[in-house]
Amino acid sequence: MPEVLIFDGYIDEPGSLGVPPYIHPLPRAVFGAVRDAGGTPSYITVDQWRNGKKLPPSDLLVVLSGMSVPGRYLRGMPASRRELFQLIEGYRGETVLGGPAALDP
C-alpha cells in the first residue's frame, strides 16, 4: 500500500473553492482517488509547512498549487515558485505537480 502525501499549496481559480478555510476540489479528489486505489493518503497545507511542520514519510508527494489569475491576498497566500522548488528539492520520493503551478513556465 503506497503512502501518498497531498501537499496543498492552495489553488486559486475563479469559480472554485480556493484558499482557507476552504479546500479546493482537486486535493479532495486526489485524496479519494488514493483511497480508492488502496493507498494511504495524508494531507498537509503550505501554511502548516511554513510554520515548521515536517512532511510525514510517503512514497509519493502530490503537490497541488497555483493561481490562474494573479491577485492580492489578505490571508492564505498560495505557495510561491521558490517554496515549491524548496519543497520538491528536499523530498526523496516521486513527486507529481498539479494545479495551475504545473503550467507555470
C-alpha atoms as a PDB file:
ATOM      1  CA  MET A   1       0.000   0.000   0.000  1.00  0.00           C
ATOM      2  CA  PRO A   2       1.697   3.220  -1.095  1.00  0.00           C
ATOM      3  CA  GLU A   3       1.646   6.190   1.224  1.00  0.00           C
ATOM      4  CA  VAL A   4       0.746   9.375  -0.635  1.00  0.00           C
ATOM      5  CA  LEU A   5       1.249  12.841   0.804  1.00  0.00           C
ATOM      6  CA  ILE A   6      -1.015  15.535  -0.631  1.00  0.00           C
ATOM      7  CA  PHE A   7       0.620  18.939  -0.246  1.00  0.00           C
ATOM      8  CA  ASP A   8      -1.999  21.668  -0.564  1.00  0.00           C
ATOM      9  CA  GLY A   9      -0.141  24.755  -1.756  1.00  0.00           C
ATOM     10  CA  TYR A  10      -3.562  26.331  -2.345  1.00  0.00           C
ATOM     11  CA  ILE A  11      -5.155  26.640  -5.745  1.00  0.00           C
ATOM     12  CA  ASP A  12      -6.913  29.864  -6.594  1.00  0.00           C
ATOM     13  CA  GLU A  13      -9.167  29.665  -9.620  1.00  0.00           C
ATOM     14  CA  PRO A  14     -12.251  31.778 -10.353  1.00  0.00           C
ATOM     15  CA  GLY A  15     -15.488  29.954  -9.608  1.00  0.00           C
ATOM     16  CA  SER A  16     -13.837  27.365  -7.386  1.00  0.00           C
ATOM     17  CA  LEU A  17     -13.292  26.925  -3.682  1.00  0.00           C
ATOM     18  CA  GLY A  18      -9.841  28.326  -3.060  1.00  0.00           C
ATOM     19  CA  VAL A  19      -7.647  29.288  -0.144  1.00  0.00           C
ATOM     20  CA  PRO A  20      -8.504  28.568   3.510  1.00  0.00           C
ATOM     21  CA  PRO A  21     -10.767  27.973   5.191  1.00  0.00           C
ATOM     22  CA  TYR A  22     -11.904  26.103   2.072  1.00  0.00           C
ATOM     23  CA  ILE A  23     -10.323  23.105   0.387  1.00  0.00           C
ATOM     24  CA  HIS A  24     -10.205  23.179  -3.405  1.00  0.00           C
ATOM     25  CA  PRO A  25     -11.911  20.183  -5.091  1.00  0.00           C
ATOM     26  CA  LEU A  26      -8.624  18.886  -6.576  1.00  0.00           C
ATOM     27  CA  PRO A  27      -6.961  17.858  -3.262  1.00  0.00           C
ATOM     28  CA  ARG A  28     -10.254  16.289  -2.223  1.00  0.00           C
ATOM     29  CA  ALA A  29     -10.420  14.310  -5.479  1.00  0.00           C
ATOM     30  CA  VAL A  30      -6.803  13.144  -5.142  1.00  0.00           C
ATOM     31  CA  PHE A  31      -7.458  12.038  -1.552  1.00  0.00           C
ATOM     32  CA  GLY A  32     -10.430   9.952  -2.707  1.00  0.00           C
ATOM     33  CA  ALA A  33      -8.544   8.500  -5.675  1.00  0.00           C
ATOM     34  CA  VAL A  34      -5.657   7.408  -3.443  1.00  0.00           C
ATOM     35  CA  ARG A  35      -8.073   5.688  -1.045  1.00  0.00           C
ATOM     36  CA  ASP A  36      -9.969   4.020  -3.900  1.00  0.00           C
ATOM     37  CA  ALA A  37      -6.660   2.697  -5.272  1.00  0.00           C
ATOM     38  CA  GLY A  38      -5.803   1.138  -1.901  1.00  0.00           C
ATOM     39  CA  GLY A  39      -3.209   3.722  -0.904  1.00  0.00           C
ATOM     40  CA  THR A  40      -2.898   5.630   2.331  1.00  0.00           C
ATOM     41  CA  PRO A  41      -3.361   9.379   1.827  1.00  0.00           C
ATOM     42  CA  SER A  42      -2.180  12.100   4.166  1.00  0.00           C
ATOM     43  CA  TYR A  43      -2.645  15.846   3.834  1.00  0.00           C
ATOM     44  CA  ILE A  44      -0.652  18.942   4.755  1.00  0.00           C
ATOM     45  CA  THR A  45      -1.126  22.588   3.822  1.00  0.00           C
ATOM     46  CA  VAL A  46       1.524  25.080   2.797  1.00  0.00           C
ATOM     47  CA  ASP A  47       0.744  27.116   5.924  1.00  0.00           C
ATOM     48  CA  GLN A  48       1.420  24.104   8.177  1.00  0.00           C
ATOM     49  CA  TRP A  49       4.713  23.541   6.320  1.00  0.00           C
ATOM     50  CA  ARG A  50       5.624  27.244   6.588  1.00  0.00           C
ATOM     51  CA  ASN A  51       5.047  27.009  10.348  1.00  0.00           C
ATOM     52  CA  GLY A  52       7.604  24.205  10.633  1.00  0.00           C
ATOM     53  CA  LYS A  53       5.511  21.039  10.377  1.00  0.00           C
ATOM     54  CA  LYS A  54       7.637  18.264   8.914  1.00  0.00           C
ATOM     55  CA  LEU A  55       6.443  16.262   5.944  1.00  0.00           C
ATOM     56  CA  PRO A  56       5.340  12.788   7.023  1.00  0.00           C
ATOM     57  CA  PRO A  57       7.092   9.878   5.297  1.00  0.00           C
ATOM     58  CA  SER A  58       5.500   8.894   1.993  1.00  0.00           C
ATOM     59  CA  ASP A  59       6.201   7.074  -1.261  1.00  0.00           C
ATOM     60  CA  LEU A  60       4.664   9.797  -3.421  1.00  0.00           C
ATOM     61  CA  LEU A  61       4.293  13.545  -2.976  1.00  0.00           C
ATOM     62  CA  VAL A  62       1.396  15.199  -4.826  1.00  0.00           C
ATOM     63  CA  VAL A  63       1.848  18.981  -4.853  1.00  0.00           C
ATOM     64  CA  LEU A  64      -1.246  20.985  -5.798  1.00  0.00           C
ATOM     65  CA  SER A  65      -0.817  24.724  -6.092  1.00  0.00           C
ATOM     66  CA  GLY A  66      -1.076  27.838  -8.189  1.00  0.00           C
ATOM     67  CA  MET A  67      -3.258  30.691  -9.247  1.00  0.00           C
ATOM     68  CA  SER A  68      -4.774  31.176 -12.653  1.00  0.00           C
ATOM     69  CA  VAL A  69      -5.441  34.884 -12.080  1.00  0.00           C
ATOM     70  CA  PRO A  70      -2.814  36.938 -10.204  1.00  0.00           C
ATOM     71  CA  GLY A  71      -4.155  38.950  -7.305  1.00  0.00           C
ATOM     72  CA  ARG A  72      -3.653  40.245  -3.801  1.00  0.00           C
ATOM     73  CA  TYR A  73      -4.375  38.031  -0.827  1.00  0.00           C
ATOM     74  CA  LEU A  74      -5.446  39.042   2.649  1.00  0.00           C
ATOM     75  CA  ARG A  75      -4.620  35.580   4.054  1.00  0.00           C
ATOM     76  CA  GLY A  76      -3.950  32.099   2.775  1.00  0.00           C
ATOM     77  CA  MET A  77      -1.245  33.016   0.259  1.00  0.00           C
ATOM     78  CA  PRO A  78      -0.657  30.247  -2.311  1.00  0.00           C
ATOM     79  CA  ALA A  79       2.789  28.624  -2.346  1.00  0.00           C
ATOM     80  CA  SER A  80       5.376  30.617  -4.267  1.00  0.00           C
ATOM     81  CA  ARG A  81       7.541  29.164  -7.017  1.00  0.00           C
ATOM     82  CA  ARG A  82      10.548  29.414  -4.658  1.00  0.00           C
ATOM     83  CA  GLU A  83       8.686  27.482  -1.950  1.00  0.00           C
ATOM     84  CA  LEU A  84       7.656  24.768  -4.405  1.00  0.00           C
ATOM     85  CA  PHE A  85      11.257  24.298  -5.565  1.00  0.00           C
ATOM     86  CA  GLN A  86      12.434  24.178  -1.937  1.00  0.00           C
ATOM     87  CA  LEU A  87       9.792  21.582  -1.065  1.00  0.00           C
ATOM     88  CA  ILE A  88      10.473  19.358  -4.069  1.00  0.00           C
ATOM     89  CA  GLU A  89      14.280  19.544  -3.741  1.00  0.00           C
ATOM     90  CA  GLY A  90      14.056  18.310  -0.149  1.00  0.00           C
ATOM     91  CA  TYR A  91      11.835  15.328  -0.972  1.00  0.00           C
ATOM     92  CA  ARG A  92      13.380  11.921  -1.717  1.00  0.00           C
ATOM     93  CA  GLY A  93      10.473  10.092  -3.385  1.00  0.00           C
ATOM     94  CA  GLU A  94       8.447  10.534  -6.547  1.00  0.00           C
ATOM     95  CA  THR A  95       6.704  13.891  -6.996  1.00  0.00           C
ATOM     96  CA  VAL A  96       3.650  14.941  -9.012  1.00  0.00           C
ATOM     97  CA  LEU A  97       2.884  18.634  -9.552  1.00  0.00           C
ATOM     98  CA  GLY A  98      -0.706  19.636 -10.287  1.00  0.00           C
ATOM     99  CA  GLY A  99      -2.885  22.708 -10.483  1.00  0.00           C
ATOM    100  CA  PRO A 100      -2.024  25.957 -12.264  1.00  0.00           C
ATOM    101  CA  ALA A 101       1.560  25.778 -10.923  1.00  0.00           C
ATOM    102  CA  ALA A 102       2.172  22.809 -13.237  1.00  0.00           C
ATOM    103  CA  LEU A 103       1.647  25.127 -16.217  1.00  0.00           C
ATOM    104  CA  ASP A 104       3.948  27.877 -14.914  1.00  0.00           C
ATOM    105  CA  PRO A 105       6.979  28.151 -17.217  1.00  0.00           C
END
